[in-house]
Amino acid sequence: MGRAKEIRVKVIPSKIANEFVKKHHYSGKVVANSKLHFGCFLDGKLHGVMQYGSPMDKRNVLKLVDTSNKTINSKFNEMLELNRMAFDDYLPKNSESRCISISFKLLKKNAPHIKWILSYSDAVQCGDGTIYRASGFKLTNVGKNSTIYKLKDGRKIAKRGDSKRFYDLEGAKVLKGFQNRYIYLIDKSCKITVPILPFSEIDKQGAGMYKGEKVTIAERQKKD
């Protein structure tokens, strides 16, 4: 673990978190739904941010986990999505998984009503979820993603709903790839209701990606 043990994780203001994410996340963008922001500190300085909030389609994803709670209203308050995660190059190896683990412990202690975490890996532009797998998440879907557009001016956007109102999509290029869905149960008494896939499914479907480069998990393991 090395110096990763020295990292301190604590809640930080949204303004500070958003500024860091815009600078260090590959998309350069924040998620408006994010409401809980953890900062990761080493040697007294901020070197990583994790942002949690509601997913865009919260009502539809609630069915992914059985929390043995019969009311929809209570289920709405029982999960969060890890919306954004950004780290700079200062932090040592294994920092990301350690920071995620600490944030889960903080949630369990200070927000015991949160029973599970949802997150997605962007295997169109970034990666297939290496950090999630190292952090104990379960893979529950490997899905093709054709919602990312590269505009004529070079900007990349996720096309949802009324994107045409805000962007000129004429001449835009669809960036095809995958989006992998991961779930972590903070409350181990809960049950994932959809099939849990072996990580080998990522290579099987050709969804392997690391740091924006198409590469299989098997190829990466050979190099380790």
Protein backbone atom coordinates (compact mmCIF):
# COMPACT_ATOMS: atom_id res chain seq x y z
CA MET A 1 0.00 0.00 0.00
CA GLY A 2 2.97 2.33 0.64
CA ARG A 3 2.18 6.03 0.96
CA ALA A 4 -1.44 5.44 0.00
CA LYS A 5 -1.99 4.76 3.71
CA GLU A 6 -1.19 8.40 4.41
CA ILE A 7 -4.05 9.75 2.29
CA ARG A 8 -6.79 11.52 4.22
CA VAL A 9 -10.35 11.66 2.86
CA LYS A 10 -12.88 14.24 4.01
CA VAL A 11 -15.94 16.14 2.80
CA ILE A 12 -15.11 19.36 0.91
CA PRO A 13 -17.21 22.22 -0.52
CA SER A 14 -18.74 21.73 -3.96
CA LYS A 15 -16.93 24.78 -5.37
CA ILE A 16 -13.50 23.32 -4.57
CA ALA A 17 -14.51 19.86 -5.79
CA ASN A 18 -15.96 21.17 -9.06
CA GLU A 19 -12.86 23.22 -9.83
CA PHE A 20 -10.65 20.17 -9.31
CA VAL A 21 -12.85 17.91 -11.45
CA LYS A 22 -12.97 20.40 -14.32
CA LYS A 23 -9.18 20.50 -14.29
CA HIS A 24 -8.39 16.81 -13.84
CA HIS A 25 -11.32 14.74 -15.15
CA TYR A 26 -10.94 13.62 -18.77
CA SER A 27 -14.33 15.16 -19.67
CA GLY A 28 -13.54 18.53 -18.12
CA LYS A 29 -17.12 18.60 -16.83
CA VAL A 30 -18.99 18.11 -13.56
CA VAL A 31 -22.32 16.37 -13.01
CA ALA A 32 -25.05 18.74 -11.86
CA ASN A 33 -26.60 15.97 -9.72
CA SER A 34 -23.52 15.62 -7.50
CA LYS A 35 -24.26 16.66 -3.92
CA LEU A 36 -21.64 14.95 -1.74
CA HIS A 37 -17.98 15.74 -2.40
CA PHE A 38 -14.99 13.94 -0.90
CA GLY A 39 -11.49 15.36 -1.17
CA CYS A 40 -8.39 13.17 -1.04
CA PHE A 41 -5.39 14.82 0.61
CA LEU A 42 -1.73 13.88 0.76
CA ASP A 43 1.03 16.05 2.23
CA GLY A 44 -1.59 18.63 3.12
CA LYS A 45 -2.80 19.22 -0.45
CA LEU A 46 -5.83 18.14 -2.48
CA HIS A 47 -4.96 15.50 -5.06
CA GLY A 48 -8.25 13.72 -5.71
CA VAL A 49 -12.02 14.19 -5.67
CA MET A 50 -14.96 11.80 -5.58
CA GLN A 51 -18.46 13.17 -6.16
CA TYR A 52 -21.64 11.31 -5.24
CA GLY A 53 -25.21 12.17 -6.17
CA SER A 54 -28.39 10.91 -7.80
CA PRO A 55 -28.29 9.09 -11.15
CA MET A 56 -30.07 10.63 -14.11
CA ASP A 57 -32.60 7.78 -14.25
CA LYS A 58 -32.94 7.08 -10.55
CA ARG A 59 -36.43 5.59 -10.68
CA ASN A 60 -35.31 3.02 -13.25
CA VAL A 61 -32.16 1.90 -11.43
CA LEU A 62 -33.81 1.30 -8.06
CA LYS A 63 -34.90 -2.13 -9.26
CA LEU A 64 -31.26 -3.22 -9.61
CA VAL A 65 -30.96 -3.89 -5.87
CA ASP A 66 -33.42 -5.40 -3.41
CA THR A 67 -33.08 -3.58 -0.10
CA SER A 68 -36.09 -5.36 1.44
CA ASN A 69 -37.83 -2.00 1.71
CA LYS A 70 -41.30 -1.89 0.23
CA THR A 71 -41.80 1.84 -0.32
CA ILE A 72 -40.44 3.71 -3.34
CA ASN A 73 -39.89 6.87 -1.29
CA SER A 74 -37.53 5.13 1.12
CA LYS A 75 -35.70 3.36 -1.73
CA PHE A 76 -34.97 6.77 -3.28
CA ASN A 77 -32.85 7.65 -0.26
CA GLU A 78 -30.99 4.34 -0.06
CA MET A 79 -28.52 4.69 -2.92
CA LEU A 80 -26.06 7.06 -4.54
CA GLU A 81 -24.18 7.13 -7.80
CA LEU A 82 -20.46 7.79 -7.87
CA ASN A 83 -20.87 10.52 -10.50
CA ARG A 84 -17.29 11.70 -10.88
CA MET A 85 -13.87 10.57 -9.77
CA ALA A 86 -10.73 12.55 -10.59
CA PHE A 87 -7.15 12.20 -9.31
CA ASP A 88 -3.93 13.93 -10.29
CA ASP A 89 -0.60 12.18 -10.88
CA TYR A 90 0.81 12.99 -7.43
CA LEU A 91 -0.93 10.15 -5.61
CA PRO A 92 0.84 6.76 -5.38
CA LYS A 93 -0.34 3.41 -6.71
CA ASN A 94 -3.55 1.98 -5.21
CA SER A 95 -4.71 5.45 -4.10
CA GLU A 96 -8.01 5.36 -5.99
CA SER A 97 -9.24 2.08 -4.50
CA ARG A 98 -8.13 3.16 -1.01
CA CYS A 99 -9.97 6.48 -1.31
CA ILE A 100 -13.14 4.76 -2.51
CA SER A 101 -12.94 2.33 0.43
CA ILE A 102 -12.57 5.18 2.92
CA SER A 103 -15.50 7.07 1.40
CA PHE A 104 -17.68 3.97 1.80
CA LYS A 105 -16.69 3.68 5.46
CA LEU A 106 -17.56 7.35 5.98
CA LEU A 107 -20.94 6.83 4.31
CA LYS A 108 -21.65 3.77 6.44
CA LYS A 109 -20.83 5.68 9.61
CA ASN A 110 -22.43 9.05 8.85
CA ALA A 111 -25.17 8.12 6.37
CA PRO A 112 -26.28 4.60 7.37
CA HIS A 113 -29.40 4.88 5.21
CA ILE A 114 -27.20 4.60 2.09
CA LYS A 115 -27.18 0.89 1.26
CA TRP A 116 -25.60 0.69 -2.17
CA ILE A 117 -23.55 2.56 -4.76
CA LEU A 118 -23.96 2.64 -8.53
CA SER A 119 -21.33 3.73 -11.02
CA TYR A 120 -20.56 3.51 -14.72
CA SER A 121 -17.27 3.29 -16.57
CA ASP A 122 -16.97 5.18 -19.84
CA ALA A 123 -15.39 2.69 -22.23
CA VAL A 124 -15.89 5.14 -25.09
CA GLN A 125 -13.39 7.74 -23.91
CA CYS A 126 -11.74 6.58 -20.69
CA GLY A 127 -11.70 3.03 -19.28
CA ASP A 128 -13.59 -0.18 -18.58
CA GLY A 129 -13.65 0.13 -14.77
CA THR A 130 -10.29 -1.10 -13.48
CA ILE A 131 -10.63 0.94 -10.28
CA TYR A 132 -14.16 -0.33 -9.62
CA ARG A 133 -13.07 -3.95 -9.94
CA ALA A 134 -10.15 -3.33 -7.58
CA SER A 135 -12.58 -1.72 -5.11
CA GLY A 136 -14.95 -4.68 -4.90
CA PHE A 137 -17.72 -3.51 -7.23
CA LYS A 138 -19.75 -6.12 -9.10
CA LEU A 139 -20.09 -5.88 -12.88
CA THR A 140 -23.78 -6.01 -13.85
CA ASN A 141 -23.85 -4.85 -17.46
CA VAL A 142 -21.58 -4.36 -20.45
CA GLY A 143 -23.60 -2.18 -22.79
CA LYS A 144 -22.90 -0.57 -26.13
CA ASN A 145 -22.88 3.21 -25.94
CA SER A 146 -23.56 5.47 -28.90
CA THR A 147 -24.56 8.61 -26.99
CA ILE A 148 -21.19 10.37 -27.11
CA TYR A 149 -20.84 12.88 -29.94
CA LYS A 150 -17.78 14.71 -31.18
CA LEU A 151 -18.91 18.08 -32.49
CA LYS A 152 -17.39 19.82 -35.48
CA ASP A 153 -15.52 22.18 -33.16
CA GLY A 154 -13.88 19.22 -31.37
CA ARG A 155 -15.98 19.28 -28.19
CA LYS A 156 -17.43 16.00 -26.95
CA ILE A 157 -20.90 15.79 -25.44
CA ALA A 158 -23.22 13.11 -24.12
CA LYS A 159 -26.43 13.33 -26.11
CA ARG A 160 -29.41 13.03 -23.79
CA GLY A 161 -32.99 14.13 -24.26
CA ASP A 162 -32.99 17.70 -25.49
CA SER A 163 -29.30 18.06 -26.42
CA LYS A 164 -30.34 19.39 -29.82
CA ARG A 165 -31.64 22.49 -28.07
CA PHE A 166 -28.16 23.35 -26.87
CA TYR A 167 -25.79 21.89 -29.46
CA ASP A 168 -25.57 21.87 -33.22
CA LEU A 169 -25.31 18.13 -33.98
CA GLU A 170 -25.10 18.60 -37.73
CA GLY A 171 -21.88 17.02 -38.91
CA ALA A 172 -21.18 15.58 -35.45
CA LYS A 173 -19.50 12.18 -35.23
CA VAL A 174 -20.85 9.42 -33.01
CA LEU A 175 -18.08 7.92 -30.87
CA LYS A 176 -19.06 4.28 -30.48
CA GLY A 177 -17.97 2.20 -27.53
CA PHE A 178 -19.25 0.74 -24.29
CA GLN A 179 -20.59 1.74 -20.89
CA ASN A 180 -20.10 -0.77 -18.09
CA ARG A 181 -22.35 -0.74 -15.04
CA TYR A 182 -20.99 -1.52 -11.59
CA ILE A 183 -22.73 -1.94 -8.21
CA TYR A 184 -21.27 -2.00 -4.70
CA LEU A 185 -23.33 -3.12 -1.71
CA ILE A 186 -22.47 -1.16 1.42
CA ASP A 187 -25.21 -3.09 3.23
CA LYS A 188 -24.30 -6.72 2.57
CA SER A 189 -27.81 -7.88 3.46
CA CYS A 190 -29.10 -6.31 0.24
CA LYS A 191 -29.27 -8.33 -2.96
CA ILE A 192 -28.38 -7.41 -6.52
CA THR A 193 -31.40 -8.45 -8.61
CA VAL A 194 -29.73 -8.58 -12.02
CA PRO A 195 -27.08 -11.10 -13.15
CA ILE A 196 -23.56 -10.47 -11.87
CA LEU A 197 -21.20 -10.85 -14.80
CA PRO A 198 -17.67 -12.26 -14.73
CA PHE A 199 -15.08 -9.59 -15.55
CA SER A 200 -14.09 -11.72 -18.55
CA GLU A 201 -17.33 -10.57 -20.18
CA ILE A 202 -15.64 -7.23 -20.88
CA ASP A 203 -13.06 -8.85 -23.14
CA LYS A 204 -15.68 -11.18 -24.59
CA GLN A 205 -17.69 -8.22 -25.84
CA GLY A 206 -14.66 -6.22 -26.95
CA ALA A 207 -15.24 -3.53 -24.33
CA GLY A 208 -11.73 -3.40 -22.89
CA MET A 209 -10.25 0.10 -22.51
CA TYR A 210 -7.58 1.69 -20.33
CA LYS A 211 -6.78 5.41 -20.21
CA GLY A 212 -8.64 5.99 -23.47
CA GLU A 213 -6.87 3.21 -25.37
CA LYS A 214 -8.62 0.06 -26.60
CA VAL A 215 -6.85 -2.79 -24.83
CA THR A 216 -8.14 -6.01 -23.28
CA ILE A 217 -7.93 -6.87 -19.61
CA ALA A 218 -5.99 -10.01 -20.55
CA GLU A 219 -3.33 -7.96 -22.35
CA ARG A 220 -2.93 -5.69 -19.33
CA GLN A 221 -2.59 -8.66 -16.97
CA LYS A 222 0.25 -10.09 -19.09
CA LYS A 223 2.21 -6.87 -18.56
CA ASP A 224 1.75 -6.85 -14.75
